[in-house]
PDB file of N, CA and C in Angstrom:
ATOM      1  N   MET A   1       0.739  -1.276  -0.026  1.00  0.00           N
ATOM      2  CA  MET A   1      -0.081   0.126   0.080  1.00  0.00           C
ATOM      3  C   MET A   1       0.996   0.908   0.084  1.00  0.00           C
ATOM      4  N   TYR A   2       0.403   2.096  -0.516  1.00  0.00           N
ATOM      5  CA  TYR A   2       1.057   3.609  -0.855  1.00  0.00           C
ATOM      6  C   TYR A   2       0.313   4.506  -0.024  1.00  0.00           C
ATOM      7  N   PHE A   3       0.795   5.352   0.527  1.00  0.00           N
ATOM      8  CA  PHE A   3       0.151   6.552   1.170  1.00  0.00           C
ATOM      9  C   PHE A   3       0.272   7.826   0.984  1.00  0.00           C
ATOM     10  N   GLU A   4      -0.432   8.878   0.671  1.00  0.00           N
ATOM     11  CA  GLU A   4       0.028   9.952   0.330  1.00  0.00           C
ATOM     12  C   GLU A   4      -1.039  10.984   1.440  1.00  0.00           C
ATOM     13  N   ALA A   5      -0.592  12.279   1.299  1.00  0.00           N
ATOM     14  CA  ALA A   5      -1.514  13.357   2.358  1.00  0.00           C
ATOM     15  C   ALA A   5      -2.287  13.859   1.276  1.00  0.00           C
ATOM     16  N   CYS A   6      -3.918  13.834   1.884  1.00  0.00           N
ATOM     17  CA  CYS A   6      -4.869  14.494   0.697  1.00  0.00           C
ATOM     18  C   CYS A   6      -4.511  15.563   0.244  1.00  0.00           C
ATOM     19  N   THR A   7      -4.798  15.547  -1.289  1.00  0.00           N
ATOM     20  CA  THR A   7      -4.639  16.833  -1.967  1.00  0.00           C
ATOM     21  C   THR A   7      -5.656  17.851  -1.813  1.00  0.00           C
ATOM     22  N   LYS A   8      -6.755  17.387  -1.358  1.00  0.00           N
ATOM     23  CA  LYS A   8      -7.942  18.275  -1.142  1.00  0.00           C
ATOM     24  C   LYS A   8      -7.895  19.306   0.448  1.00  0.00           C
ATOM     25  N   CYS A   9      -7.553  18.663   1.214  1.00  0.00           N
ATOM     26  CA  CYS A   9      -7.468  19.022   2.826  1.00  0.00           C
ATOM     27  C   CYS A   9      -6.253  19.085   3.051  1.00  0.00           C
ATOM     28  N   PHE A  10      -4.955  18.921   2.349  1.00  0.00           N
ATOM     29  CA  PHE A  10      -3.413  18.871   2.436  1.00  0.00           C
ATOM     30  C   PHE A  10      -3.269  18.302   3.741  1.00  0.00           C
ATOM     31  N   GLY A  11      -3.851  17.265   4.380  1.00  0.00           N
ATOM     32  CA  GLY A  11      -3.753  16.290   5.261  1.00  0.00           C
ATOM     33  C   GLY A  11      -4.284  16.642   6.409  1.00  0.00           C
ATOM     34  N   VAL A  12      -5.117  17.664   6.682  1.00  0.00           N
ATOM     35  CA  VAL A  12      -5.715  18.312   7.742  1.00  0.00           C
ATOM     36  C   VAL A  12      -7.029  17.448   8.256  1.00  0.00           C
ATOM     37  N   GLY A  13      -7.596  17.350   7.404  1.00  0.00           N
ATOM     38  CA  GLY A  13      -9.094  15.994   7.563  1.00  0.00           C
ATOM     39  C   GLY A  13     -10.312  17.009   7.478  1.00  0.00           C
ATOM     40  N   TYR A  14     -10.196  18.189   7.677  1.00  0.00           N
ATOM     41  CA  TYR A  14     -11.585  18.909   7.232  1.00  0.00           C
ATOM     42  C   TYR A  14     -11.269  20.225   6.423  1.00  0.00           C
ATOM     43  N   ILE A  15     -12.324  20.839   6.030  1.00  0.00           N
ATOM     44  CA  ILE A  15     -12.083  21.775   5.134  1.00  0.00           C
ATOM     45  C   ILE A  15     -13.001  23.105   5.806  1.00  0.00           C
ATOM     46  N   VAL A  16     -12.326  24.262   5.902  1.00  0.00           N
ATOM     47  CA  VAL A  16     -13.140  25.368   6.485  1.00  0.00           C
ATOM     48  C   VAL A  16     -13.715  25.904   5.348  1.00  0.00           C
ATOM     49  N   ALA A  17     -15.014  26.124   5.391  1.00  0.00           N
ATOM     50  CA  ALA A  17     -16.020  26.795   4.615  1.00  0.00           C
ATOM     51  C   ALA A  17     -17.070  27.652   5.330  1.00  0.00           C
ATOM     52  N   THR A  18     -17.866  28.692   4.512  1.00  0.00           N
ATOM     53  CA  THR A  18     -18.857  29.189   4.891  1.00  0.00           C
ATOM     54  C   THR A  18     -20.030  28.611   4.342  1.00  0.00           C
ATOM     55  N   ASP A  19     -21.138  28.869   5.404  1.00  0.00           N
ATOM     56  CA  ASP A  19     -22.399  28.102   5.159  1.00  0.00           C
ATOM     57  C   ASP A  19     -23.165  29.244   4.229  1.00  0.00           C
ATOM     58  N   SER A  20     -23.744  28.656   3.379  1.00  0.00           N
ATOM     59  CA  SER A  20     -24.442  29.587   2.318  1.00  0.00           C
ATOM     60  C   SER A  20     -25.972  29.689   3.036  1.00  0.00           C
ATOM     61  N   PHE A  21     -26.601  28.964   3.853  1.00  0.00           N
ATOM     62  CA  PHE A  21     -27.803  29.129   4.067  1.00  0.00           C
ATOM     63  C   PHE A  21     -27.928  29.805   5.327  1.00  0.00           C
ATOM     64  N   ASN A  22     -27.019  29.679   6.119  1.00  0.00           N
ATOM     65  CA  ASN A  22     -27.344  30.542   7.359  1.00  0.00           C
ATOM     66  C   ASN A  22     -25.907  31.764   7.250  1.00  0.00           C
ATOM     67  N   SER A  23     -26.520  33.009   7.337  1.00  0.00           N
ATOM     68  CA  SER A  23     -25.589  33.948   7.183  1.00  0.00           C
ATOM     69  C   SER A  23     -25.050  34.627   8.552  1.00  0.00           C
ATOM     70  N   ASN A  24     -25.319  33.869   9.769  1.00  0.00           N
ATOM     71  CA  ASN A  24     -25.045  34.448  11.130  1.00  0.00           C
ATOM     72  C   ASN A  24     -23.763  33.684  11.277  1.00  0.00           C
ATOM     73  N   SER A  25     -23.594  32.639  10.736  1.00  0.00           N
ATOM     74  CA  SER A  25     -22.232  31.916  11.071  1.00  0.00           C
ATOM     75  C   SER A  25     -21.310  32.358   9.952  1.00  0.00           C
ATOM     76  N   ASP A  26     -20.046  32.433  10.384  1.00  0.00           N
ATOM     77  CA  ASP A  26     -19.001  32.944   9.648  1.00  0.00           C
ATOM     78  C   ASP A  26     -18.313  31.786   8.607  1.00  0.00           C
ATOM     79  N   LYS A  27     -17.811  31.098   9.698  1.00  0.00           N
ATOM     80  CA  LYS A  27     -16.947  29.809   9.295  1.00  0.00           C
ATOM     81  C   LYS A  27     -17.424  28.452   9.629  1.00  0.00           C
ATOM     82  N   ILE A  28     -17.474  27.209   8.972  1.00  0.00           N
ATOM     83  CA  ILE A  28     -17.726  26.039   9.624  1.00  0.00           C
ATOM     84  C   ILE A  28     -16.723  25.092   9.306  1.00  0.00           C
ATOM     85  N   LYS A  29     -16.718  23.943   9.694  1.00  0.00           N
ATOM     86  CA  LYS A  29     -15.519  22.969   9.405  1.00  0.00           C
ATOM     87  C   LYS A  29     -16.354  21.676   8.783  1.00  0.00           C
ATOM     88  N   LYS A  30     -15.725  21.468   7.823  1.00  0.00           N
ATOM     89  CA  LYS A  30     -16.624  20.385   6.892  1.00  0.00           C
ATOM     90  C   LYS A  30     -15.342  19.106   6.909  1.00  0.00           C
ATOM     91  N   VAL A  31     -16.071  18.059   6.995  1.00  0.00           N
ATOM     92  CA  VAL A  31     -15.223  16.594   6.815  1.00  0.00           C
ATOM     93  C   VAL A  31     -14.793  16.957   5.346  1.00  0.00           C
ATOM     94  N   CYS A  32     -13.712  16.559   5.244  1.00  0.00           N
ATOM     95  CA  CYS A  32     -13.121  16.366   3.613  1.00  0.00           C
ATOM     96  C   CYS A  32     -13.972  15.167   3.169  1.00  0.00           C
ATOM     97  N   GLY A  33     -14.402  15.208   1.829  1.00  0.00           N
ATOM     98  CA  GLY A  33     -15.135  14.357   1.040  1.00  0.00           C
ATOM     99  C   GLY A  33     -14.143  13.375   0.337  1.00  0.00           C
ATOM    100  N   LYS A  34     -13.060  13.650   0.105  1.00  0.00           N
ATOM    101  CA  LYS A  34     -12.144  12.921  -0.395  1.00  0.00           C
ATOM    102  C   LYS A  34     -11.467  11.809   0.291  1.00  0.00           C
ATOM    103  N   CYS A  35     -10.698  12.373   1.568  1.00  0.00           N
ATOM    104  CA  CYS A  35     -10.141  11.405   2.226  1.00  0.00           C
ATOM    105  C   CYS A  35     -11.349  11.136   3.528  1.00  0.00           C
ATOM    106  N   LYS A  36     -12.368  11.689   3.566  1.00  0.00           N
ATOM    107  CA  LYS A  36     -13.171  11.237   4.756  1.00  0.00           C
ATOM    108  C   LYS A  36     -12.800  11.414   6.067  1.00  0.00           C
ATOM    109  N   GLY A  37     -11.866  12.611   6.049  1.00  0.00           N
ATOM    110  CA  GLY A  37     -11.392  12.822   7.479  1.00  0.00           C
ATOM    111  C   GLY A  37     -10.122  11.917   8.009  1.00  0.00           C
ATOM    112  N   GLU A  38      -9.738  11.156   7.186  1.00  0.00           N
ATOM    113  CA  GLU A  38      -8.661  10.124   7.462  1.00  0.00           C
ATOM    114  C   GLU A  38      -7.373  10.958   7.615  1.00  0.00           C
ATOM    115  N   LYS A  39      -7.224  12.310   6.516  1.00  0.00           N
ATOM    116  CA  LYS A  39      -5.786  12.754   6.542  1.00  0.00           C
ATOM    117  C   LYS A  39      -4.770  12.616   5.238  1.00  0.00           C
ATOM    118  N   ILE A  40      -5.121  10.708   5.011  1.00  0.00           N
ATOM    119  CA  ILE A  40      -4.387  10.330   3.915  1.00  0.00           C
ATOM    120  C   ILE A  40      -5.180   9.603   3.130  1.00  0.00           C
ATOM    121  N   LEU A  41      -4.394   9.381   1.674  1.00  0.00           N
ATOM    122  CA  LEU A  41      -5.165   8.611   0.962  1.00  0.00           C
ATOM    123  C   LEU A  41      -4.236   7.333   0.685  1.00  0.00           C
ATOM    124  N   ASN A  42      -5.086   6.160   0.537  1.00  0.00           N
ATOM    125  CA  ASN A  42      -4.440   4.816   0.326  1.00  0.00           C
ATOM    126  C   ASN A  42      -4.623   4.702  -1.170  1.00  0.00           C
ATOM    127  N   TYR A  43      -3.405   4.051  -1.570  1.00  0.00           N
ATOM    128  CA  TYR A  43      -3.231   3.536  -3.249  1.00  0.00           C
ATOM    129  C   TYR A  43      -2.702   2.247  -3.113  1.00  0.00           C
ATOM    130  N   LYS A  44      -3.191   1.385  -4.000  1.00  0.00           N
ATOM    131  CA  LYS A  44      -2.519   0.140  -4.487  1.00  0.00           C
ATOM    132  C   LYS A  44      -1.228   0.293  -5.226  1.00  0.00           C
ATOM    133  N   THR A  45      -1.344   1.215  -6.342  1.00  0.00           N
ATOM    134  CA  THR A  45      -0.258   1.196  -7.224  1.00  0.00           C
ATOM    135  C   THR A  45       0.684   2.368  -6.730  1.00  0.00           C
ATOM    136  N   SER A  46       1.925   2.408  -7.289  1.00  0.00           N
ATOM    137  CA  SER A  46       2.933   3.102  -6.999  1.00  0.00           C
ATOM    138  C   SER A  46       2.530   4.585  -7.680  1.00  0.00           C
ATOM    139  N   PRO A  47       3.251   5.699  -6.894  1.00  0.00           N
ATOM    140  CA  PRO A  47       3.179   6.768  -7.819  1.00  0.00           C
ATOM    141  C   PRO A  47       3.596   7.038  -9.283  1.00  0.00           C
ATOM    142  N   GLN A  48       4.860   6.508  -9.369  1.00  0.00           N
ATOM    143  CA  GLN A  48       5.341   6.311 -10.639  1.00  0.00           C
ATOM    144  C   GLN A  48       4.347   5.771 -11.686  1.00  0.00           C
ATOM    145  N   LYS A  49       3.628   4.553 -11.316  1.00  0.00           N
ATOM    146  CA  LYS A  49       2.648   3.552 -12.286  1.00  0.00           C
ATOM    147  C   LYS A  49       1.695   4.677 -12.423  1.00  0.00           C
ATOM    148  N   ARG A  50       1.093   5.322 -11.354  1.00  0.00           N
ATOM    149  CA  ARG A  50      -0.181   6.251 -11.658  1.00  0.00           C
ATOM    150  C   ARG A  50       0.064   7.198 -12.495  1.00  0.00           C
ATOM    151  N   LYS A  51       1.505   7.937 -12.455  1.00  0.00           N
ATOM    152  CA  LYS A  51       1.734   8.871 -13.428  1.00  0.00           C
ATOM    153  C   LYS A  51       1.709   8.516 -14.701  1.00  0.00           C
ATOM    154  N   TYR A  52       2.444   7.136 -15.059  1.00  0.00           N
ATOM    155  CA  TYR A  52       2.522   6.744 -16.336  1.00  0.00           C
ATOM    156  C   TYR A  52       0.938   6.390 -16.868  1.00  0.00           C
ATOM    157  N   LEU A  53       0.300   6.056 -15.911  1.00  0.00           N
ATOM    158  CA  LEU A  53      -1.150   5.785 -16.660  1.00  0.00           C
ATOM    159  C   LEU A  53      -1.732   6.751 -17.046  1.00  0.00           C
ATOM    160  N   LYS A  54      -1.773   7.997 -16.199  1.00  0.00           N
ATOM    161  CA  LYS A  54      -2.292   9.171 -16.530  1.00  0.00           C
ATOM    162  C   LYS A  54      -1.958   9.926 -17.825  1.00  0.00           C
ATOM    163  N   ALA A  55      -0.550   9.729 -18.056  1.00  0.00           N
ATOM    164  CA  ALA A  55       0.202  10.309 -19.383  1.00  0.00           C
ATOM    165  C   ALA A  55      -0.689   9.364 -20.359  1.00  0.00           C
ATOM    166  N   ARG A  56      -0.476   8.163 -20.280  1.00  0.00           N
ATOM    167  CA  ARG A  56      -0.942   7.308 -21.150  1.00  0.00           C
ATOM    168  C   ARG A  56      -2.474   7.597 -21.725  1.00  0.00           C
ATOM    169  N   GLN A  57      -3.426   7.583 -20.648  1.00  0.00           N
ATOM    170  CA  GLN A  57      -4.668   8.082 -20.996  1.00  0.00           C
ATOM    171  C   GLN A  57      -4.733   9.589 -21.661  1.00  0.00           C
ATOM    172  N   ALA A  58      -4.026  10.285 -21.267  1.00  0.00           N
ATOM    173  CA  ALA A  58      -4.012  11.914 -21.974  1.00  0.00           C
ATOM    174  C   ALA A  58      -3.345  11.751 -23.311  1.00  0.00           C
ATOM    175  N   LYS A  59      -2.597  10.732 -23.685  1.00  0.00           N
ATOM    176  CA  LYS A  59      -1.977  10.567 -24.923  1.00  0.00           C
ATOM    177  C   LYS A  59      -3.330   9.977 -26.074  1.00  0.00           C
ATOM    178  N   MET A  60      -3.929   9.263 -25.260  1.00  0.00           N
ATOM    179  CA  MET A  60      -5.049   8.188 -26.222  1.00  0.00           C
ATOM    180  C   MET A  60      -6.253   9.197 -26.334  1.00  0.00           C
ATOM    181  N   ARG A  61      -6.330  10.401 -25.462  1.00  0.00           N
ATOM    182  CA  ARG A  61      -7.350  11.079 -25.976  1.00  0.00           C
ATOM    183  C   ARG A  61      -7.332  11.735 -27.260  1.00  0.00           C
ATOM    184  N   ILE A  62      -8.307  12.156 -27.749  1.00  0.00           N
ATOM    185  CA  ILE A  62      -8.470  12.815 -28.960  1.00  0.00           C
ATOM    186  C   ILE A  62      -7.681  14.403 -28.919  1.00  0.00           C
ATOM    187  N   GLN A  63      -6.685  14.389 -29.832  1.00  0.00           N
ATOM    188  CA  GLN A  63      -5.889  15.705 -29.492  1.00  0.00           C
ATOM    189  C   GLN A  63      -6.631  17.057 -30.251  1.00  0.00           C
ATOM    190  N   ILE A  64      -7.138  16.805 -31.511  1.00  0.00           N
ATOM    191  CA  ILE A  64      -7.736  17.685 -32.160  1.00  0.00           C
ATOM    192  C   ILE A  64      -9.370  17.623 -32.252  1.00  0.00           C
ATOM    193  N   PRO A  65     -10.012  18.659 -31.513  1.00  0.00           N
ATOM    194  CA  PRO A  65     -11.482  18.807 -31.790  1.00  0.00           C
ATOM    195  C   PRO A  65     -11.832  18.835 -32.920  1.00  0.00           C
ATOM    196  N   ILE A  66     -12.841  18.134 -33.160  1.00  0.00           N
ATOM    197  CA  ILE A  66     -13.702  18.184 -34.599  1.00  0.00           C
ATOM    198  C   ILE A  66     -14.543  19.567 -34.519  1.00  0.00           C
ATOM    199  N   ARG A  67     -14.267  20.554 -35.324  1.00  0.00           N
ATOM    200  CA  ARG A  67     -15.079  22.008 -35.324  1.00  0.00           C
ATOM    201  C   ARG A  67     -16.076  21.866 -36.284  1.00  0.00           C
ATOM    202  N   TRP A  68     -17.286  22.435 -35.875  1.00  0.00           N
ATOM    203  CA  TRP A  68     -18.356  21.964 -36.799  1.00  0.00           C
ATOM    204  C   TRP A  68     -18.694  23.520 -37.497  1.00  0.00           C
ATOM    205  N   THR A  69     -18.551  23.328 -38.778  1.00  0.00           N
ATOM    206  CA  THR A  69     -18.811  24.666 -39.685  1.00  0.00           C
ATOM    207  C   THR A  69     -20.151  24.631 -40.224  1.00  0.00           C
ATOM    208  N   PRO A  70     -21.008  25.536 -40.049  1.00  0.00           N
ATOM    209  CA  PRO A  70     -22.361  25.841 -40.356  1.00  0.00           C
ATOM    210  C   PRO A  70     -22.221  25.745 -41.931  1.00  0.00           C
ATOM    211  N   PRO A  71     -23.446  25.085 -42.662  1.00  0.00           N
ATOM    212  CA  PRO A  71     -23.479  25.076 -44.066  1.00  0.00           C
ATOM    213  C   PRO A  71     -23.631  26.476 -44.672  1.00  0.00           C
ATOM    214  N   GLU A  72     -23.302  26.846 -45.868  1.00  0.00           N
ATOM    215  CA  GLU A  72     -23.819  27.720 -46.481  1.00  0.00           C
ATOM    216  C   GLU A  72     -24.940  28.060 -46.627  1.00  0.00           C
ATOM    217  N   LYS A  73     -25.305  29.304 -46.606  1.00  0.00           N
ATOM    218  CA  LYS A  73     -26.678  29.693 -46.859  1.00  0.00           C
ATOM    219  C   LYS A  73     -26.987  29.669 -48.142  1.00  0.00           C
ATOM    220  N   ILE A  74     -28.274  29.482 -48.258  1.00  0.00           N
ATOM    221  CA  ILE A  74     -28.874  29.646 -49.670  1.00  0.00           C
ATOM    222  C   ILE A  74     -29.863  30.685 -49.890  1.00  0.00           C
ATOM    223  N   GLN A  75     -29.606  31.509 -50.440  1.00  0.00           N
ATOM    224  CA  GLN A  75     -30.265  32.856 -50.761  1.00  0.00           C
ATOM    225  C   GLN A  75     -31.641  32.411 -51.089  1.00  0.00           C
ATOM    226  N   GLU A  76     -32.102  31.492 -51.879  1.00  0.00           N
ATOM    227  CA  GLU A  76     -33.235  31.279 -52.481  1.00  0.00           C
ATOM    228  C   GLU A  76     -34.199  31.026 -51.188  1.00  0.00           C
ATOM    229  N   GLU A  77     -33.954  30.133 -50.351  1.00  0.00           N
ATOM    230  CA  GLU A  77     -34.359  29.830 -48.932  1.00  0.00           C
ATOM    231  C   GLU A  77     -35.035  31.103 -48.093  1.00  0.00           C
ATOM    232  N   TYR A  78     -33.982  31.975 -48.297  1.00  0.00           N
ATOM    233  CA  TYR A  78     -34.671  33.303 -47.392  1.00  0.00           C
ATOM    234  C   TYR A  78     -35.369  34.484 -48.150  1.00  0.00           C
ATOM    235  N   ASP A  79     -35.476  34.409 -49.389  1.00  0.00           N
ATOM    236  CA  ASP A  79     -35.899  35.195 -50.144  1.00  0.00           C
ATOM    237  C   ASP A  79     -37.565  34.718 -50.285  1.00  0.00           C
ATOM    238  N   GLN A  80     -38.222  35.464 -49.565  1.00  0.00           N
ATOM    239  CA  GLN A  80     -39.849  35.204 -49.382  1.00  0.00           C
ATOM    240  C   GLN A  80     -40.445  36.280 -50.044  1.00  0.00           C
ATOM    241  N   GLU A  81     -41.366  35.664 -51.096  1.00  0.00           N
ATOM    242  CA  GLU A  81     -42.132  36.633 -51.596  1.00  0.00           C
ATOM    243  C   GLU A  81     -43.750  37.015 -51.167  1.00  0.00           C
ATOM    244  N   TYR A  82     -44.241  38.129 -50.763  1.00  0.00           N
ATOM    245  CA  TYR A  82     -45.378  38.050 -50.159  1.00  0.00           C
ATOM    246  C   TYR A  82     -46.457  38.559 -51.004  1.00  0.00           C
TER     247      TYR A  82
END
């Protein structure tokens, strides 16, 4: 097993946030959703292997997006006689 500090809460276990529903309270502590308050993340694979897999997935993605071009307007369709 490989252990790392949580990247979302930086190993603290909670996140300080403001409550959007109650304007009287300034700051509240919420349990980190990524590590669930454990302060560390457990991985089965090594950091080098995860970095390699992430780079491989990025290379396999489509690099050039297909851009849609609108068809040319045909003037006869827009000229209406009343």
